[in-house]
Structure formats: C-alpha cells, structure tokens
Amino acid sequence: MKVKSELSSVLLDKGLAELGDCLLNFLVSAAKSRVLGRFCGERVPNKVLVLALDKSGLRYLLPKRLKPHARSNAVEALIAYAWLMRVITIDEAIDILASRLSIDAGTFNSYVDAVAELVRVIKGRIIGEA
C-alpha cells in the first residue's frame, strides 16, 4: 500500500525526528502538568519511545536491524509529521497523553502506555487502522 511505504519514509526522516523530539517533550510536559495540577517539564527517555513503538504496532514499517535510537526517532518523526499535516492537534495530543498518565505521572509504564496510545491514534488516522 502506498500510504504504508510513504509512512515508512516519514518514520526514518531525521529532520522530522528532531522537531518531534521537542514537540513530544512539550506534549508530555503539558499532559503531566495537567494531571498533576502544577507546571512541570519532562524529557521522554528513548527507552519509553522504543517500547511505545513496539506496543503501538508500527515496528513492522521499519527495517529489521534498526538501532534503538533510530526506533525512538521514528516515534518522534511520526508525531511531528502528524502535527504538521494536521492529523492531530496539540490539544488532542495532550488530551490523549493526559488520559493515559497515572496520577503521579512518574511511572515508566505510564509514559510507555501514554505515548503508545498517541501513536496508535495517529496510526489509525493515517493508515485507517485502529
């Protein structure tokens, strides 16, 4: 399918990954702030992104022997692409992330679940799969 091959290219785009890194850190910080009821900043670890990619079901679109850092970049690239192409808004992304973060918003698994859900929603809107 053409959409899937184009999406594979998006996931490997380093420029999109750089933008997505900043964007995702902002989104998670805003979601965590909403959940906690106070302002805070957060940097999303690459390990969270690697696990979220696997959990979201998008791993099959990437080359098999891709290093973990490149897989985490794929998540960041997808999120940047989705925002730039108006697949998802900032507010929608924050809502999705906040809905999956636990009340302490500090557990590793909570971050994995939240980012994986965001990726699944984006995937569903782009590819048409849930």
Protein backbone atom coordinates (compact mmCIF):
# COMPACT_ATOMS: atom_id res chain seq x y z
CA MET A 1 0.00 0.00 0.00
CA LYS A 2 1.34 3.42 -0.94
CA VAL A 3 0.41 5.04 2.39
CA LYS A 4 2.44 2.46 4.31
CA SER A 5 5.55 2.95 2.16
CA GLU A 6 5.25 6.73 2.50
CA LEU A 7 4.81 6.33 6.25
CA SER A 8 8.00 4.25 6.38
CA SER A 9 9.85 7.18 4.82
CA VAL A 10 8.35 9.57 7.35
CA LEU A 11 9.47 7.37 10.25
CA LEU A 12 13.08 7.50 9.02
CA ASP A 13 13.19 11.27 8.44
CA LYS A 14 15.86 12.78 10.73
CA GLY A 15 14.58 16.35 10.39
CA LEU A 16 11.10 15.32 11.46
CA ALA A 17 12.63 13.38 14.35
CA GLU A 18 14.46 16.49 15.58
CA LEU A 19 11.26 18.53 15.52
CA GLY A 20 9.33 15.64 17.04
CA ASP A 21 11.79 15.39 19.93
CA CYS A 22 10.99 18.94 21.04
CA LEU A 23 7.30 18.56 20.30
CA LEU A 24 6.90 15.29 22.21
CA ASN A 25 8.74 16.63 25.25
CA PHE A 26 6.39 19.63 25.22
CA LEU A 27 3.30 17.45 24.83
CA VAL A 28 4.28 15.11 27.66
CA SER A 29 5.21 18.06 29.89
CA ALA A 30 1.84 19.69 29.25
CA ALA A 31 -0.03 16.43 29.85
CA LYS A 32 1.89 15.76 33.07
CA SER A 33 1.22 19.33 34.22
CA ARG A 34 -2.50 18.82 33.60
CA VAL A 35 -2.53 15.52 35.51
CA LEU A 36 -0.55 16.85 38.47
CA GLY A 37 -2.26 20.23 38.58
CA ARG A 38 1.07 22.08 38.58
CA PHE A 39 3.56 23.08 35.92
CA CYS A 40 6.45 20.76 35.23
CA GLY A 41 8.84 19.87 32.45
CA GLU A 42 9.66 16.40 31.26
CA ARG A 43 12.08 14.76 28.88
CA VAL A 44 10.85 11.49 27.43
CA PRO A 45 13.56 8.79 27.56
CA ASN A 46 14.39 6.93 24.34
CA LYS A 47 13.56 3.62 26.05
CA VAL A 48 9.96 4.81 26.52
CA LEU A 49 9.73 5.60 22.81
CA VAL A 50 11.20 2.25 21.73
CA LEU A 51 8.70 0.35 23.88
CA ALA A 52 5.82 2.59 22.76
CA LEU A 53 6.71 1.93 19.12
CA ASP A 54 6.60 -1.83 19.70
CA LYS A 55 3.37 -1.60 21.69
CA SER A 56 1.67 0.57 19.06
CA GLY A 57 2.18 -1.96 16.27
CA LEU A 58 4.23 0.27 13.96
CA ARG A 59 7.52 -1.59 14.26
CA TYR A 60 6.81 -3.56 11.07
CA LEU A 61 7.22 -0.39 8.99
CA LEU A 62 10.90 -0.05 9.94
CA PRO A 63 13.95 -2.02 8.82
CA LYS A 64 14.65 -5.08 10.97
CA ARG A 65 18.17 -4.17 12.11
CA LEU A 66 17.43 -0.63 13.24
CA LYS A 67 19.18 0.56 16.39
CA PRO A 68 17.04 1.57 19.39
CA HIS A 69 17.89 5.26 18.99
CA ALA A 70 16.65 5.21 15.39
CA ARG A 71 13.44 3.49 16.52
CA SER A 72 12.85 6.20 19.12
CA ASN A 73 13.46 8.79 16.40
CA ALA A 74 10.71 7.13 14.36
CA VAL A 75 8.14 7.87 17.08
CA GLU A 76 9.27 11.48 17.24
CA ALA A 77 9.17 11.81 13.45
CA LEU A 78 5.65 10.38 13.32
CA ILE A 79 4.37 12.81 15.93
CA ALA A 80 5.94 15.80 14.17
CA TYR A 81 4.55 14.67 10.82
CA ALA A 82 1.08 14.16 12.27
CA TRP A 83 1.06 17.64 13.76
CA LEU A 84 2.47 19.32 10.63
CA MET A 85 -0.03 17.55 8.38
CA ARG A 86 -2.91 18.39 10.76
CA VAL A 87 -3.60 14.75 11.51
CA ILE A 88 -3.68 15.69 15.19
CA THR A 89 -3.72 18.96 17.10
CA ILE A 90 -1.62 19.91 20.09
CA ASP A 91 -4.73 19.87 22.31
CA GLU A 92 -5.81 16.43 21.09
CA ALA A 93 -2.35 15.01 21.69
CA ILE A 94 -2.22 16.46 25.21
CA ASP A 95 -5.69 15.05 25.95
CA ILE A 96 -4.65 11.58 24.76
CA LEU A 97 -1.43 11.61 26.77
CA ALA A 98 -3.09 13.00 29.92
CA SER A 99 -5.80 10.34 29.75
CA ARG A 100 -3.16 7.60 29.95
CA LEU A 101 -0.79 9.08 32.52
CA SER A 102 -1.16 7.86 36.09
CA ILE A 103 -1.89 10.39 38.82
CA ASP A 104 1.75 10.54 39.90
CA ALA A 105 2.68 10.77 36.20
CA GLY A 106 6.12 9.49 37.02
CA THR A 107 5.95 5.79 36.34
CA PHE A 108 7.85 4.44 33.37
CA ASN A 109 4.99 2.20 32.22
CA SER A 110 2.58 5.10 32.38
CA TYR A 111 4.72 7.02 29.90
CA VAL A 112 5.00 3.98 27.61
CA ASP A 113 1.22 3.49 27.65
CA ALA A 114 0.51 7.18 27.03
CA VAL A 115 2.92 7.53 24.10
CA ALA A 116 1.83 4.19 22.62
CA GLU A 117 -1.80 5.35 22.68
CA LEU A 118 -0.88 8.60 20.96
CA VAL A 119 1.00 6.67 18.27
CA ARG A 120 -1.96 4.27 17.83
CA VAL A 121 -4.37 7.18 17.34
CA ILE A 122 -2.07 8.80 14.79
CA LYS A 123 -1.56 5.47 13.03
CA GLY A 124 -5.31 4.95 12.86
CA ARG A 125 -5.86 8.34 11.32
CA ILE A 126 -3.09 7.96 8.75
CA ILE A 127 -3.40 4.29 7.80
CA GLY A 128 -7.01 3.78 8.79
CA GLU A 129 -6.34 1.01 11.33
CA ALA A 130 -7.31 1.12 14.97
